[in-house]
Amino acid sequence: MLTRAIRALLTLTLFAVPVAQADTTAAGLTAAPGYGELGYELPKIGSYQLPSLGRAHDGEVLDTQGRRQHLYELFDQKYVLLATAVP
């Protein structure tokens, strides 16, 4: 019970402490886009349309048990954001 209370207190503390933005210009570093002043004006919300990405191809993957599965079967026709990392 005490562990649960401590865990809850630490979680609340993490959300209550403001995150300081590092001054990267003093160190000669450039912040990632969006973390400082942008060199352009953002378009108004709803003033543009994004293109359709189309339907994903049904690929064969291995599940956690090493069995071959098709993506369409695994995700049961639901919307999925799938990313892969290639070293």
Protein backbone atom coordinates (compact mmCIF):
# COMPACT_ATOMS: atom_id res chain seq x y z
CA MET A 1 0.00 0.00 0.00
CA LEU A 2 2.83 2.38 0.86
CA THR A 3 4.54 1.62 -2.45
CA ARG A 4 1.37 2.53 -4.34
CA ALA A 5 1.11 5.84 -2.45
CA ILE A 6 4.75 6.69 -3.12
CA ARG A 7 4.33 5.83 -6.80
CA ALA A 8 1.26 8.09 -7.02
CA LEU A 9 3.09 10.93 -5.27
CA LEU A 10 6.07 10.66 -7.61
CA THR A 11 3.78 10.63 -10.64
CA LEU A 12 1.97 13.76 -9.47
CA THR A 13 5.30 15.45 -8.76
CA LEU A 14 6.52 14.76 -12.28
CA PHE A 15 3.45 16.44 -13.76
CA ALA A 16 3.61 19.39 -11.34
CA VAL A 17 7.25 20.33 -12.04
CA PRO A 18 7.53 22.62 -15.07
CA VAL A 19 10.00 21.56 -17.72
CA ALA A 20 12.65 24.20 -18.39
CA GLN A 21 13.52 24.90 -22.00
CA ALA A 22 17.25 24.65 -22.54
CA ASP A 23 19.05 27.62 -24.05
CA THR A 24 20.66 25.95 -27.05
CA THR A 25 21.86 29.14 -28.73
CA ALA A 26 24.44 29.82 -26.02
CA ALA A 27 26.01 26.41 -26.60
CA GLY A 28 25.97 26.83 -30.39
CA LEU A 29 23.30 24.16 -30.83
CA THR A 30 20.21 24.43 -33.01
CA ALA A 31 16.89 23.33 -31.58
CA ALA A 32 14.69 20.97 -33.55
CA PRO A 33 12.00 22.61 -35.73
CA GLY A 34 9.02 23.64 -33.65
CA TYR A 35 11.06 24.28 -30.49
CA GLY A 36 11.80 27.88 -31.29
CA GLU A 37 10.75 30.64 -33.65
CA LEU A 38 9.70 29.34 -37.05
CA GLY A 39 10.90 31.06 -40.20
CA TYR A 40 7.38 31.08 -41.64
CA GLU A 41 3.78 31.64 -40.62
CA LEU A 42 1.70 28.56 -39.98
CA PRO A 43 -1.44 28.12 -42.11
CA LYS A 44 -4.78 28.57 -40.38
CA ILE A 45 -6.43 25.42 -39.11
CA GLY A 46 -8.73 23.97 -41.76
CA SER A 47 -7.32 26.13 -44.56
CA TYR A 48 -5.62 23.17 -46.25
CA GLN A 49 -6.21 19.52 -47.04
CA LEU A 50 -3.87 16.62 -46.49
CA PRO A 51 -3.55 14.01 -49.23
CA SER A 52 -4.87 10.53 -48.69
CA LEU A 53 -2.10 8.08 -47.92
CA GLY A 54 -3.99 5.25 -49.53
CA ARG A 55 -4.52 1.72 -48.38
CA ALA A 56 -1.65 -0.17 -46.81
CA HIS A 57 -0.47 -3.33 -48.50
CA ASP A 58 -1.19 -6.59 -46.74
CA GLY A 59 2.17 -7.88 -45.61
CA GLU A 60 3.22 -11.04 -43.88
CA VAL A 61 4.80 -10.59 -40.45
CA LEU A 62 5.85 -12.79 -37.56
CA ASP A 63 3.86 -12.54 -34.33
CA THR A 64 5.39 -12.83 -30.86
CA GLN A 65 5.10 -16.62 -31.06
CA GLY A 66 7.02 -16.76 -34.35
CA ARG A 67 3.91 -17.61 -36.41
CA ARG A 68 3.32 -16.01 -39.80
CA GLN A 69 0.35 -13.64 -39.82
CA HIS A 70 -1.10 -11.20 -42.34
CA LEU A 71 -1.42 -7.56 -41.26
CA TYR A 72 -5.08 -7.43 -42.33
CA GLU A 73 -5.87 -10.38 -40.07
CA LEU A 74 -3.92 -9.03 -37.11
CA PHE A 75 -5.53 -5.60 -37.08
CA ASP A 76 -9.03 -6.71 -38.10
CA GLN A 77 -9.71 -3.82 -40.51
CA LYS A 78 -8.92 -1.18 -37.84
CA TYR A 79 -6.90 1.98 -38.44
CA VAL A 80 -3.29 1.43 -37.43
CA LEU A 81 -0.21 3.63 -37.45
CA LEU A 82 2.66 1.24 -38.09
CA ALA A 83 6.29 2.30 -38.03
CA THR A 84 9.44 0.31 -38.58
CA ALA A 85 13.05 1.09 -37.77
CA VAL A 86 15.85 -0.04 -40.01
CA PRO A 87 19.36 0.17 -38.55
